Amino acid sequence: MKLIADENVAGGLVRRLRESGYDVWWILEDAPSSTDPSVLERATESGRTLLTFDSDFGTLAVRDDIAAPFGIIFPRLKRMTIAEQTDRVHGIIVTMDAIGSTLVVIEETKVRYRDLRLKD
């Protein structure tokens, strides 16, 4: 799986994913201060799954129906330290294959999946 990490993703997580063999573009390195729609556009054009801690991306993809054909991974881990978040997110990502057009919400005790192609 190829990833594009939003600028709010910790450097330690980006580094750990790269060390595990993932091809990760990091907005903080490649295009800092990009708008959310432009980050989604970069992910779509490059065929990368978006990793972000920003809930606005779920809103853009679900409510506003902005394309996210390669999926979004959204950790919601507010009660965890950065180190714990890194362990949790890394542990989930290494178990996944390509996720397609899916919103993956990683929480402390569960993982939820929502197909972004389905309408409510």
PDB file of N, CA and C in Angstrom:
ATOM      1  N   MET A   1       0.845  -1.168   0.000  1.00  0.00           N
ATOM      2  CA  MET A   1       0.000   0.000   0.000  1.00  0.00           C
ATOM      3  C   MET A   1       0.901   1.245   0.000  1.00  0.00           C
ATOM      4  N   LYS A   2       0.602   2.164  -0.890  1.00  0.00           N
ATOM      5  CA  LYS A   2       1.298   3.450  -0.925  1.00  0.00           C
ATOM      6  C   LYS A   2       0.458   4.447  -0.129  1.00  0.00           C
ATOM      7  N   LEU A   3       1.143   5.260   0.675  1.00  0.00           N
ATOM      8  CA  LEU A   3       0.447   6.187   1.560  1.00  0.00           C
ATOM      9  C   LEU A   3       0.868   7.623   1.302  1.00  0.00           C
ATOM     10  N   ILE A   4      -0.033   8.538   1.620  1.00  0.00           N
ATOM     11  CA  ILE A   4       0.289   9.949   1.706  1.00  0.00           C
ATOM     12  C   ILE A   4      -0.138  10.370   3.103  1.00  0.00           C
ATOM     13  N   ALA A   5       0.828  10.825   3.900  1.00  0.00           N
ATOM     14  CA  ALA A   5       0.561  11.208   5.282  1.00  0.00           C
ATOM     15  C   ALA A   5       0.326  12.708   5.347  1.00  0.00           C
ATOM     16  N   ASP A   6      -0.784  13.089   5.946  1.00  0.00           N
ATOM     17  CA  ASP A   6      -1.091  14.496   6.130  1.00  0.00           C
ATOM     18  C   ASP A   6      -0.031  15.116   7.043  1.00  0.00           C
ATOM     19  N   GLU A   7       0.058  16.431   7.052  1.00  0.00           N
ATOM     20  CA  GLU A   7       1.103  17.075   7.840  1.00  0.00           C
ATOM     21  C   GLU A   7       0.890  16.924   9.344  1.00  0.00           C
ATOM     22  N   ASN A   8      -0.289  16.486   9.781  1.00  0.00           N
ATOM     23  CA  ASN A   8      -0.535  16.300  11.206  1.00  0.00           C
ATOM     24  C   ASN A   8      -0.128  14.907  11.702  1.00  0.00           C
ATOM     25  N   VAL A   9       0.416  14.082  10.832  1.00  0.00           N
ATOM     26  CA  VAL A   9       0.887  12.750  11.215  1.00  0.00           C
ATOM     27  C   VAL A   9       2.293  12.901  11.811  1.00  0.00           C
ATOM     28  N   ALA A  10       2.510  12.286  12.936  1.00  0.00           N
ATOM     29  CA  ALA A  10       3.794  12.396  13.632  1.00  0.00           C
ATOM     30  C   ALA A  10       4.938  11.834  12.792  1.00  0.00           C
ATOM     31  N   GLY A  11       6.064  12.501  12.867  1.00  0.00           N
ATOM     32  CA  GLY A  11       7.245  12.062  12.135  1.00  0.00           C
ATOM     33  C   GLY A  11       7.679  10.656  12.501  1.00  0.00           C
ATOM     34  N   GLY A  12       7.487  10.286  13.765  1.00  0.00           N
ATOM     35  CA  GLY A  12       7.851   8.937  14.194  1.00  0.00           C
ATOM     36  C   GLY A  12       7.033   7.863  13.497  1.00  0.00           C
ATOM     37  N   LEU A  13       5.767   8.141  13.254  1.00  0.00           N
ATOM     38  CA  LEU A  13       4.914   7.180  12.543  1.00  0.00           C
ATOM     39  C   LEU A  13       5.318   7.101  11.080  1.00  0.00           C
ATOM     40  N   VAL A  14       5.573   8.245  10.463  1.00  0.00           N
ATOM     41  CA  VAL A  14       6.029   8.254   9.062  1.00  0.00           C
ATOM     42  C   VAL A  14       7.316   7.446   8.943  1.00  0.00           C
ATOM     43  N   ARG A  15       8.261   7.697   9.825  1.00  0.00           N
ATOM     44  CA  ARG A  15       9.549   6.994   9.802  1.00  0.00           C
ATOM     45  C   ARG A  15       9.354   5.486   9.988  1.00  0.00           C
ATOM     46  N   ARG A  16       8.507   5.116  10.943  1.00  0.00           N
ATOM     47  CA  ARG A  16       8.283   3.691  11.219  1.00  0.00           C
ATOM     48  C   ARG A  16       7.645   2.977  10.032  1.00  0.00           C
ATOM     49  N   LEU A  17       6.687   3.641   9.380  1.00  0.00           N
ATOM     50  CA  LEU A  17       6.062   3.041   8.196  1.00  0.00           C
ATOM     51  C   LEU A  17       7.093   2.887   7.077  1.00  0.00           C
ATOM     52  N   ARG A  18       7.922   3.893   6.884  1.00  0.00           N
ATOM     53  CA  ARG A  18       8.966   3.796   5.858  1.00  0.00           C
ATOM     54  C   ARG A  18       9.936   2.668   6.179  1.00  0.00           C
ATOM     55  N   GLU A  19      10.320   2.539   7.431  1.00  0.00           N
ATOM     56  CA  GLU A  19      11.227   1.460   7.841  1.00  0.00           C
ATOM     57  C   GLU A  19      10.595   0.088   7.635  1.00  0.00           C
ATOM     58  N   SER A  20       9.266   0.032   7.652  1.00  0.00           N
ATOM     59  CA  SER A  20       8.550  -1.227   7.422  1.00  0.00           C
ATOM     60  C   SER A  20       8.339  -1.503   5.933  1.00  0.00           C
ATOM     61  N   GLY A  21       8.869  -0.627   5.082  1.00  0.00           N
ATOM     62  CA  GLY A  21       8.800  -0.867   3.648  1.00  0.00           C
ATOM     63  C   GLY A  21       7.691  -0.128   2.914  1.00  0.00           C
ATOM     64  N   TYR A  22       6.944   0.718   3.607  1.00  0.00           N
ATOM     65  CA  TYR A  22       5.874   1.462   2.952  1.00  0.00           C
ATOM     66  C   TYR A  22       6.441   2.678   2.227  1.00  0.00           C
ATOM     67  N   ASP A  23       5.863   2.945   1.079  1.00  0.00           N
ATOM     68  CA  ASP A  23       6.195   4.129   0.294  1.00  0.00           C
ATOM     69  C   ASP A  23       5.294   5.246   0.812  1.00  0.00           C
ATOM     70  N   VAL A  24       5.856   6.173   1.589  1.00  0.00           N
ATOM     71  CA  VAL A  24       5.065   7.211   2.249  1.00  0.00           C
ATOM     72  C   VAL A  24       5.524   8.587   1.791  1.00  0.00           C
ATOM     73  N   TRP A  25       4.597   9.329   1.200  1.00  0.00           N
ATOM     74  CA  TRP A  25       4.811  10.763   0.957  1.00  0.00           C
ATOM     75  C   TRP A  25       4.258  11.474   2.169  1.00  0.00           C
ATOM     76  N   TRP A  26       4.965  12.499   2.633  1.00  0.00           N
ATOM     77  CA  TRP A  26       4.520  13.236   3.814  1.00  0.00           C
ATOM     78  C   TRP A  26       4.291  14.679   3.412  1.00  0.00           C
ATOM     79  N   ILE A  27       3.076  15.141   3.562  1.00  0.00           N
ATOM     80  CA  ILE A  27       2.713  16.507   3.172  1.00  0.00           C
ATOM     81  C   ILE A  27       3.632  17.526   3.847  1.00  0.00           C
ATOM     82  N   LEU A  28       4.013  17.280   5.083  1.00  0.00           N
ATOM     83  CA  LEU A  28       4.896  18.211   5.782  1.00  0.00           C
ATOM     84  C   LEU A  28       6.223  18.400   5.043  1.00  0.00           C
ATOM     85  N   GLU A  29       6.695  17.359   4.377  1.00  0.00           N
ATOM     86  CA  GLU A  29       7.936  17.445   3.594  1.00  0.00           C
ATOM     87  C   GLU A  29       7.688  17.941   2.174  1.00  0.00           C
ATOM     88  N   ASP A  30       6.618  17.447   1.560  1.00  0.00           N
ATOM     89  CA  ASP A  30       6.405  17.643   0.127  1.00  0.00           C
ATOM     90  C   ASP A  30       5.543  18.850  -0.239  1.00  0.00           C
ATOM     91  N   ALA A  31       4.597  19.221   0.603  1.00  0.00           N
ATOM     92  CA  ALA A  31       3.689  20.321   0.264  1.00  0.00           C
ATOM     93  C   ALA A  31       3.068  20.905   1.534  1.00  0.00           C
ATOM     94  N   PRO A  32       3.896  21.464   2.445  1.00  0.00           N
ATOM     95  CA  PRO A  32       3.353  21.981   3.698  1.00  0.00           C
ATOM     96  C   PRO A  32       2.304  23.069   3.473  1.00  0.00           C
ATOM     97  N   SER A  33       1.363  23.132   4.383  1.00  0.00           N
ATOM     98  CA  SER A  33       0.271  24.113   4.368  1.00  0.00           C
ATOM     99  C   SER A  33      -0.714  23.918   3.215  1.00  0.00           C
ATOM    100  N   SER A  34      -0.740  22.726   2.645  1.00  0.00           N
ATOM    101  CA  SER A  34      -1.715  22.430   1.585  1.00  0.00           C
ATOM    102  C   SER A  34      -3.123  22.431   2.155  1.00  0.00           C
ATOM    103  N   THR A  35      -4.088  22.829   1.353  1.00  0.00           N
ATOM    104  CA  THR A  35      -5.482  22.760   1.769  1.00  0.00           C
ATOM    105  C   THR A  35      -5.947  21.309   1.756  1.00  0.00           C
ATOM    106  N   ASP A  36      -7.002  21.025   2.498  1.00  0.00           N
ATOM    107  CA  ASP A  36      -7.525  19.659   2.541  1.00  0.00           C
ATOM    108  C   ASP A  36      -7.923  19.153   1.150  1.00  0.00           C
ATOM    109  N   PRO A  37      -8.662  19.930   0.354  1.00  0.00           N
ATOM    110  CA  PRO A  37      -9.007  19.433  -0.980  1.00  0.00           C
ATOM    111  C   PRO A  37      -7.770  19.150  -1.852  1.00  0.00           C
ATOM    112  N   SER A  38      -6.709  19.954  -1.708  1.00  0.00           N
ATOM    113  CA  SER A  38      -5.527  19.701  -2.521  1.00  0.00           C
ATOM    114  C   SER A  38      -4.778  18.449  -2.039  1.00  0.00           C
ATOM    115  N   VAL A  39      -4.829  18.165  -0.748  1.00  0.00           N
ATOM    116  CA  VAL A  39      -4.219  16.928  -0.235  1.00  0.00           C
ATOM    117  C   VAL A  39      -4.984  15.724  -0.779  1.00  0.00           C
ATOM    118  N   LEU A  40      -6.322  15.786  -0.753  1.00  0.00           N
ATOM    119  CA  LEU A  40      -7.127  14.693  -1.319  1.00  0.00           C
ATOM    120  C   LEU A  40      -6.846  14.529  -2.806  1.00  0.00           C
ATOM    121  N   GLU A  41      -6.697  15.631  -3.504  1.00  0.00           N
ATOM    122  CA  GLU A  41      -6.392  15.584  -4.935  1.00  0.00           C
ATOM    123  C   GLU A  41      -5.036  14.919  -5.178  1.00  0.00           C
ATOM    124  N   ARG A  42      -4.032  15.266  -4.370  1.00  0.00           N
ATOM    125  CA  ARG A  42      -2.707  14.630  -4.498  1.00  0.00           C
ATOM    126  C   ARG A  42      -2.800  13.130  -4.242  1.00  0.00           C
ATOM    127  N   ALA A  43      -3.571  12.744  -3.225  1.00  0.00           N
ATOM    128  CA  ALA A  43      -3.737  11.319  -2.916  1.00  0.00           C
ATOM    129  C   ALA A  43      -4.390  10.595  -4.082  1.00  0.00           C
ATOM    130  N   THR A  44      -5.432  11.201  -4.636  1.00  0.00           N
ATOM    131  CA  THR A  44      -6.159  10.598  -5.748  1.00  0.00           C
ATOM    132  C   THR A  44      -5.283  10.481  -6.987  1.00  0.00           C
ATOM    133  N   GLU A  45      -4.592  11.563  -7.333  1.00  0.00           N
ATOM    134  CA  GLU A  45      -3.736  11.558  -8.530  1.00  0.00           C
ATOM    135  C   GLU A  45      -2.580  10.583  -8.413  1.00  0.00           C
ATOM    136  N   SER A  46      -2.066  10.384  -7.208  1.00  0.00           N
ATOM    137  CA  SER A  46      -0.915   9.501  -7.017  1.00  0.00           C
ATOM    138  C   SER A  46      -1.306   8.074  -6.651  1.00  0.00           C
ATOM    139  N   GLY A  47      -2.604   7.821  -6.467  1.00  0.00           N
ATOM    140  CA  GLY A  47      -3.057   6.474  -6.121  1.00  0.00           C
ATOM    141  C   GLY A  47      -2.618   6.041  -4.740  1.00  0.00           C
ATOM    142  N   ARG A  48      -2.630   6.992  -3.793  1.00  0.00           N
ATOM    143  CA  ARG A  48      -2.173   6.702  -2.441  1.00  0.00           C
ATOM    144  C   ARG A  48      -3.320   6.780  -1.441  1.00  0.00           C
ATOM    145  N   THR A  49      -3.255   5.939  -0.441  1.00  0.00           N
ATOM    146  CA  THR A  49      -4.184   5.981   0.671  1.00  0.00           C
ATOM    147  C   THR A  49      -3.773   7.125   1.588  1.00  0.00           C
ATOM    148  N   LEU A  50      -4.735   7.939   1.985  1.00  0.00           N
ATOM    149  CA  LEU A  50      -4.463   9.085   2.843  1.00  0.00           C
ATOM    150  C   LEU A  50      -4.501   8.673   4.306  1.00  0.00           C
ATOM    151  N   LEU A  51      -3.443   9.000   5.043  1.00  0.00           N
ATOM    152  CA  LEU A  51      -3.377   8.806   6.488  1.00  0.00           C
ATOM    153  C   LEU A  51      -3.444  10.185   7.126  1.00  0.00           C
ATOM    154  N   THR A  52      -4.463  10.430   7.939  1.00  0.00           N
ATOM    155  CA  THR A  52      -4.647  11.750   8.533  1.00  0.00           C
ATOM    156  C   THR A  52      -5.313  11.663   9.893  1.00  0.00           C
ATOM    157  N   PHE A  53      -4.983  12.605  10.761  1.00  0.00           N
ATOM    158  CA  PHE A  53      -5.646  12.740  12.052  1.00  0.00           C
ATOM    159  C   PHE A  53      -6.702  13.844  11.991  1.00  0.00           C
ATOM    160  N   ASP A  54      -7.000  14.339  10.806  1.00  0.00           N
ATOM    161  CA  ASP A  54      -7.927  15.453  10.596  1.00  0.00           C
ATOM    162  C   ASP A  54      -9.293  14.915  10.161  1.00  0.00           C
ATOM    163  N   SER A  55     -10.305  15.104  11.013  1.00  0.00           N
ATOM    164  CA  SER A  55     -11.644  14.583  10.720  1.00  0.00           C
ATOM    165  C   SER A  55     -12.301  15.265   9.523  1.00  0.00           C
ATOM    166  N   ASP A  56     -11.790  16.420   9.116  1.00  0.00           N
ATOM    167  CA  ASP A  56     -12.365  17.108   7.953  1.00  0.00           C
ATOM    168  C   ASP A  56     -12.324  16.251   6.693  1.00  0.00           C
ATOM    169  N   PHE A  57     -11.360  15.358   6.580  1.00  0.00           N
ATOM    170  CA  PHE A  57     -11.259  14.534   5.373  1.00  0.00           C
ATOM    171  C   PHE A  57     -12.415  13.557   5.266  1.00  0.00           C
ATOM    172  N   GLY A  58     -12.850  13.014   6.384  1.00  0.00           N
ATOM    173  CA  GLY A  58     -14.025  12.151   6.356  1.00  0.00           C
ATOM    174  C   GLY A  58     -15.248  12.923   5.909  1.00  0.00           C
ATOM    175  N   THR A  59     -15.370  14.149   6.381  1.00  0.00           N
ATOM    176  CA  THR A  59     -16.482  15.004   5.978  1.00  0.00           C
ATOM    177  C   THR A  59     -16.429  15.287   4.485  1.00  0.00           C
ATOM    178  N   LEU A  60     -15.255  15.638   3.977  1.00  0.00           N
ATOM    179  CA  LEU A  60     -15.115  15.909   2.543  1.00  0.00           C
ATOM    180  C   LEU A  60     -15.492  14.685   1.716  1.00  0.00           C
ATOM    181  N   ALA A  61     -15.033  13.529   2.149  1.00  0.00           N
ATOM    182  CA  ALA A  61     -15.268  12.312   1.377  1.00  0.00           C
ATOM    183  C   ALA A  61     -16.703  11.807   1.498  1.00  0.00           C
ATOM    184  N   VAL A  62     -17.277  11.889   2.686  1.00  0.00           N
ATOM    185  CA  VAL A  62     -18.610  11.325   2.912  1.00  0.00           C
ATOM    186  C   VAL A  62     -19.712  12.336   2.606  1.00  0.00           C
ATOM    187  N   ARG A  63     -19.707  13.467   3.287  1.00  0.00           N
ATOM    188  CA  ARG A  63     -20.785  14.440   3.128  1.00  0.00           C
ATOM    189  C   ARG A  63     -20.709  15.182   1.806  1.00  0.00           C
ATOM    190  N   ASP A  64     -19.498  15.635   1.457  1.00  0.00           N
ATOM    191  CA  ASP A  64     -19.341  16.458   0.260  1.00  0.00           C
ATOM    192  C   ASP A  64     -19.032  15.644  -0.987  1.00  0.00           C
ATOM    193  N   ASP A  65     -18.891  14.309  -0.817  1.00  0.00           N
ATOM    194  CA  ASP A  65     -18.703  13.393  -1.942  1.00  0.00           C
ATOM    195  C   ASP A  65     -17.500  13.773  -2.817  1.00  0.00           C
ATOM    196  N   ILE A  66     -16.409  14.187  -2.161  1.00  0.00           N
ATOM    197  CA  ILE A  66     -15.168  14.426  -2.890  1.00  0.00           C
ATOM    198  C   ILE A  66     -14.443  13.097  -2.978  1.00  0.00           C
ATOM    199  N   ALA A  67     -13.994  12.758  -4.155  1.00  0.00           N
ATOM    200  CA  ALA A  67     -13.412  11.447  -4.421  1.00  0.00           C
ATOM    201  C   ALA A  67     -12.287  11.100  -3.459  1.00  0.00           C
ATOM    202  N   ALA A  68     -12.273   9.870  -3.029  1.00  0.00           N
ATOM    203  CA  ALA A  68     -11.188   9.306  -2.233  1.00  0.00           C
ATOM    204  C   ALA A  68     -11.045   7.849  -2.657  1.00  0.00           C
ATOM    205  N   PRO A  69     -10.711   7.608  -3.935  1.00  0.00           N
ATOM    206  CA  PRO A  69     -10.752   6.246  -4.468  1.00  0.00           C
ATOM    207  C   PRO A  69      -9.738   5.293  -3.854  1.00  0.00           C
ATOM    208  N   PHE A  70      -8.731   5.818  -3.191  1.00  0.00           N
ATOM    209  CA  PHE A  70      -7.727   4.935  -2.607  1.00  0.00           C
ATOM    210  C   PHE A  70      -7.827   4.888  -1.096  1.00  0.00           C
ATOM    211  N   GLY A  71      -8.843   5.499  -0.548  1.00  0.00           N
ATOM    212  CA  GLY A  71      -9.163   5.360   0.860  1.00  0.00           C
ATOM    213  C   GLY A  71      -8.518   6.380   1.780  1.00  0.00           C
ATOM    214  N   ILE A  72      -9.067   6.418   2.988  1.00  0.00           N
ATOM    215  CA  ILE A  72      -8.595   7.309   4.035  1.00  0.00           C
ATOM    216  C   ILE A  72      -8.471   6.501   5.322  1.00  0.00           C
ATOM    217  N   ILE A  73      -7.333   6.631   5.981  1.00  0.00           N
ATOM    218  CA  ILE A  73      -7.133   6.029   7.294  1.00  0.00           C
ATOM    219  C   ILE A  73      -7.149   7.176   8.302  1.00  0.00           C
ATOM    220  N   PHE A  74      -8.103   7.125   9.226  1.00  0.00           N
ATOM    221  CA  PHE A  74      -8.309   8.207  10.190  1.00  0.00           C
ATOM    222  C   PHE A  74      -8.226   7.658  11.615  1.00  0.00           C
ATOM    223  N   PRO A  75      -7.088   7.842  12.282  1.00  0.00           N
ATOM    224  CA  PRO A  75      -6.991   7.440  13.685  1.00  0.00           C
ATOM    225  C   PRO A  75      -7.704   8.435  14.593  1.00  0.00           C
ATOM    226  N   ARG A  76      -8.504   7.914  15.521  1.00  0.00           N
ATOM    227  CA  ARG A  76      -9.162   8.726  16.564  1.00  0.00           C
ATOM    228  C   ARG A  76      -8.653   8.202  17.898  1.00  0.00           C
ATOM    229  N   LEU A  77      -7.485   8.661  18.285  1.00  0.00           N
ATOM    230  CA  LEU A  77      -6.782   8.096  19.438  1.00  0.00           C
ATOM    231  C   LEU A  77      -6.372   9.190  20.421  1.00  0.00           C
ATOM    232  N   LYS A  78      -7.294  10.011  20.830  1.00  0.00           N
ATOM    233  CA  LYS A  78      -6.988  11.193  21.643  1.00  0.00           C
ATOM    234  C   LYS A  78      -6.477  10.874  23.038  1.00  0.00           C
ATOM    235  N   ARG A  79      -6.812   9.730  23.576  1.00  0.00           N
ATOM    236  CA  ARG A  79      -6.389   9.396  24.939  1.00  0.00           C
ATOM    237  C   ARG A  79      -5.047   8.671  24.969  1.00  0.00           C
ATOM    238  N   MET A  80      -4.409   8.541  23.818  1.00  0.00           N
ATOM    239  CA  MET A  80      -3.128   7.834  23.746  1.00  0.00           C
ATOM    240  C   MET A  80      -1.984   8.824  23.556  1.00  0.00           C
ATOM    241  N   THR A  81      -0.826   8.432  24.048  1.00  0.00           N
ATOM    242  CA  THR A  81       0.372   9.228  23.793  1.00  0.00           C
ATOM    243  C   THR A  81       0.764   9.073  22.324  1.00  0.00           C
ATOM    244  N   ILE A  82       1.663   9.924  21.856  1.00  0.00           N
ATOM    245  CA  ILE A  82       2.133   9.818  20.472  1.00  0.00           C
ATOM    246  C   ILE A  82       2.758   8.440  20.233  1.00  0.00           C
ATOM    247  N   ALA A  83       3.523   7.948  21.184  1.00  0.00           N
ATOM    248  CA  ALA A  83       4.143   6.623  21.036  1.00  0.00           C
ATOM    249  C   ALA A  83       3.085   5.527  20.942  1.00  0.00           C
ATOM    250  N   GLU A  84       2.047   5.611  21.772  1.00  0.00           N
ATOM    251  CA  GLU A  84       0.969   4.620  21.728  1.00  0.00           C
ATOM    252  C   GLU A  84       0.193   4.723  20.412  1.00  0.00           C
ATOM    253  N   GLN A  85      -0.052   5.953  19.954  1.00  0.00           N
ATOM    254  CA  GLN A  85      -0.728   6.147  18.671  1.00  0.00           C
ATOM    255  C   GLN A  85       0.082   5.517  17.545  1.00  0.00           C
ATOM    256  N   THR A  86       1.392   5.756  17.562  1.00  0.00           N
ATOM    257  CA  THR A  86       2.268   5.193  16.531  1.00  0.00           C
ATOM    258  C   THR A  86       2.183   3.675  16.533  1.00  0.00           C
ATOM    259  N   ASP A  87       2.255   3.065  17.701  1.00  0.00           N
ATOM    260  CA  ASP A  87       2.157   1.601  17.798  1.00  0.00           C
ATOM    261  C   ASP A  87       0.815   1.099  17.278  1.00  0.00           C
ATOM    262  N   ARG A  88      -0.267   1.747  17.677  1.00  0.00           N
ATOM    263  CA  ARG A  88      -1.614   1.308  17.283  1.00  0.00           C
ATOM    264  C   ARG A  88      -1.819   1.426  15.774  1.00  0.00           C
ATOM    265  N   VAL A  89      -1.507   2.596  15.218  1.00  0.00           N
ATOM    266  CA  VAL A  89      -1.730   2.814  13.785  1.00  0.00           C
ATOM    267  C   VAL A  89      -0.817   1.905  12.961  1.00  0.00           C
ATOM    268  N   HIS A  90       0.435   1.809  13.318  1.00  0.00           N
ATOM    269  CA  HIS A  90       1.356   0.935  12.598  1.00  0.00           C
ATOM    270  C   HIS A  90       0.859  -0.509  12.652  1.00  0.00           C
ATOM    271  N   GLY A  91       0.437  -0.951  13.837  1.00  0.00           N
ATOM    272  CA  GLY A  91      -0.051  -2.321  13.994  1.00  0.00           C
ATOM    273  C   GLY A  91      -1.255  -2.643  13.126  1.00  0.00           C
ATOM    274  N   ILE A  92      -2.129  -1.668  12.909  1.00  0.00           N
ATOM    275  CA  ILE A  92      -3.304  -1.873  12.055  1.00  0.00           C
ATOM    276  C   ILE A  92      -2.899  -1.845  10.579  1.00  0.00           C
ATOM    277  N   ILE A  93      -2.110  -0.852  10.192  1.00  0.00           N
ATOM    278  CA  ILE A  93      -1.747  -0.705   8.777  1.00  0.00           C
ATOM    279  C   ILE A  93      -1.011  -1.926   8.257  1.00  0.00           C
ATOM    280  N   VAL A  94      -0.117  -2.512   9.063  1.00  0.00           N
ATOM    281  CA  VAL A  94       0.647  -3.659   8.568  1.00  0.00           C
ATOM    282  C   VAL A  94      -0.225  -4.890   8.348  1.00  0.00           C
ATOM    283  N   THR A  95      -1.447  -4.889   8.874  1.00  0.00           N
ATOM    284  CA  THR A  95      -2.350  -6.019   8.651  1.00  0.00           C
ATOM    285  C   THR A  95      -3.246  -5.822   7.431  1.00  0.00           C
ATOM    286  N   MET A  96      -3.195  -4.632   6.824  1.00  0.00           N
ATOM    287  CA  MET A  96      -4.090  -4.311   5.705  1.00  0.00           C
ATOM    288  C   MET A  96      -3.424  -4.533   4.360  1.00  0.00           C
ATOM    289  N   ASP A  97      -4.259  -4.866   3.395  1.00  0.00           N
ATOM    290  CA  ASP A  97      -3.869  -4.780   1.998  1.00  0.00           C
ATOM    291  C   ASP A  97      -4.412  -3.442   1.511  1.00  0.00           C
ATOM    292  N   ALA A  98      -4.420  -3.216   0.224  1.00  0.00           N
ATOM    293  CA  ALA A  98      -5.033  -2.001  -0.313  1.00  0.00           C
ATOM    294  C   ALA A  98      -6.470  -1.924   0.194  1.00  0.00           C
ATOM    295  N   ILE A  99      -6.906  -0.732   0.575  1.00  0.00           N
ATOM    296  CA  ILE A  99      -8.234  -0.616   1.181  1.00  0.00           C
ATOM    297  C   ILE A  99      -9.285  -0.097   0.221  1.00  0.00           C
ATOM    298  N   GLY A 100      -8.885   0.273  -0.981  1.00  0.00           N
ATOM    299  CA  GLY A 100      -9.854   0.780  -1.944  1.00  0.00           C
ATOM    300  C   GLY A 100     -10.513   2.043  -1.437  1.00  0.00           C
ATOM    301  N   SER A 101     -11.711   2.285  -1.840  1.00  0.00           N
ATOM    302  CA  SER A 101     -12.436   3.504  -1.485  1.00  0.00           C
ATOM    303  C   SER A 101     -13.152   3.314  -0.153  1.00  0.00           C
ATOM    304  N   THR A 102     -12.341   3.247   0.921  1.00  0.00           N
ATOM    305  CA  THR A 102     -12.870   2.966   2.247  1.00  0.00           C
ATOM    306  C   THR A 102     -12.329   3.980   3.248  1.00  0.00           C
ATOM    307  N   LEU A 103     -13.179   4.407   4.160  1.00  0.00           N
ATOM    308  CA  LEU A 103     -12.747   5.203   5.299  1.00  0.00           C
ATOM    309  C   LEU A 103     -12.512   4.232   6.440  1.00  0.00           C
ATOM    310  N   VAL A 104     -11.279   4.184   6.938  1.00  0.00           N
ATOM    311  CA  VAL A 104     -10.911   3.303   8.038  1.00  0.00           C
ATOM    312  C   VAL A 104     -10.692   4.181   9.266  1.00  0.00           C
ATOM    313  N   VAL A 105     -11.510   3.980  10.286  1.00  0.00           N
ATOM    314  CA  VAL A 105     -11.393   4.751  11.521  1.00  0.00           C
ATOM    315  C   VAL A 105     -10.769   3.842  12.574  1.00  0.00           C
ATOM    316  N   ILE A 106      -9.581   4.223  13.028  1.00  0.00           N
ATOM    317  CA  ILE A 106      -8.861   3.432  14.031  1.00  0.00           C
ATOM    318  C   ILE A 106      -9.100   4.073  15.392  1.00  0.00           C
ATOM    319  N   GLU A 107      -9.700   3.307  16.295  1.00  0.00           N
ATOM    320  CA  GLU A 107      -9.951   3.773  17.654  1.00  0.00           C
ATOM    321  C   GLU A 107      -9.122   2.933  18.618  1.00  0.00           C
ATOM    322  N   GLU A 108      -9.163   3.277  19.899  1.00  0.00           N
ATOM    323  CA  GLU A 108      -8.352   2.565  20.885  1.00  0.00           C
ATOM    324  C   GLU A 108      -8.641   1.068  20.925  1.00  0.00           C
ATOM    325  N   THR A 109      -9.917   0.689  20.804  1.00  0.00           N
ATOM    326  CA  THR A 109     -10.280  -0.720  20.976  1.00  0.00           C
ATOM    327  C   THR A 109     -10.908  -1.371  19.752  1.00  0.00           C
ATOM    328  N   LYS A 110     -11.129  -0.581  18.690  1.00  0.00           N
ATOM    329  CA  LYS A 110     -11.761  -1.172  17.511  1.00  0.00           C
ATOM    330  C   LYS A 110     -11.353  -0.409  16.254  1.00  0.00           C
ATOM    331  N   VAL A 111     -11.677  -1.021  15.126  1.00  0.00           N
ATOM    332  CA  VAL A 111     -11.445  -0.405  13.822  1.00  0.00           C
ATOM    333  C   VAL A 111     -12.768  -0.476  13.068  1.00  0.00           C
ATOM    334  N   ARG A 112     -13.203   0.681  12.522  1.00  0.00           N
ATOM    335  CA  ARG A 112     -14.448   0.728  11.756  1.00  0.00           C
ATOM    336  C   ARG A 112     -14.130   1.024  10.297  1.00  0.00           C
ATOM    337  N   TYR A 113     -14.936   0.456   9.401  1.00  0.00           N
ATOM    338  CA  TYR A 113     -14.755   0.632   7.966  1.00  0.00           C
ATOM    339  C   TYR A 113     -16.042   1.180   7.355  1.00  0.00           C
ATOM    340  N   ARG A 114     -15.906   2.143   6.455  1.00  0.00           N
ATOM    341  CA  ARG A 114     -17.065   2.681   5.745  1.00  0.00           C
ATOM    342  C   ARG A 114     -16.714   2.801   4.270  1.00  0.00           C
ATOM    343  N   ASP A 115     -17.510   2.158   3.436  1.00  0.00           N
ATOM    344  CA  ASP A 115     -17.309   2.235   1.995  1.00  0.00           C
ATOM    345  C   ASP A 115     -17.701   3.629   1.529  1.00  0.00           C
ATOM    346  N   LEU A 116     -16.754   4.350   0.939  1.00  0.00           N
ATOM    347  CA  LEU A 116     -17.011   5.718   0.501  1.00  0.00           C
ATOM    348  C   LEU A 116     -17.806   5.794  -0.785  1.00  0.00           C
ATOM    349  N   ARG A 117     -18.037   4.668  -1.433  1.00  0.00           N
ATOM    350  CA  ARG A 117     -18.819   4.663  -2.674  1.00  0.00           C
ATOM    351  C   ARG A 117     -20.304   4.541  -2.425  1.00  0.00           C
ATOM    352  N   LEU A 118     -20.676   4.192  -1.200  1.00  0.00           N
ATOM    353  CA  LEU A 118     -22.095   4.010  -0.877  1.00  0.00           C
ATOM    354  C   LEU A 118     -22.703   5.319  -0.419  1.00  0.00           C
ATOM    355  N   LYS A 119     -23.904   5.570  -0.822  1.00  0.00           N
ATOM    356  CA  LYS A 119     -24.630   6.784  -0.396  1.00  0.00           C
ATOM    357  C   LYS A 119     -25.553   6.422   0.750  1.00  0.00           C
ATOM    358  N   ASP A 120     -25.741   7.387   1.658  1.00  0.00           N
ATOM    359  CA  ASP A 120     -26.677   7.182   2.780  1.00  0.00           C
ATOM    360  C   ASP A 120     -28.101   7.270   2.287  1.00  0.00           C
TER     361      ASP A 120
END
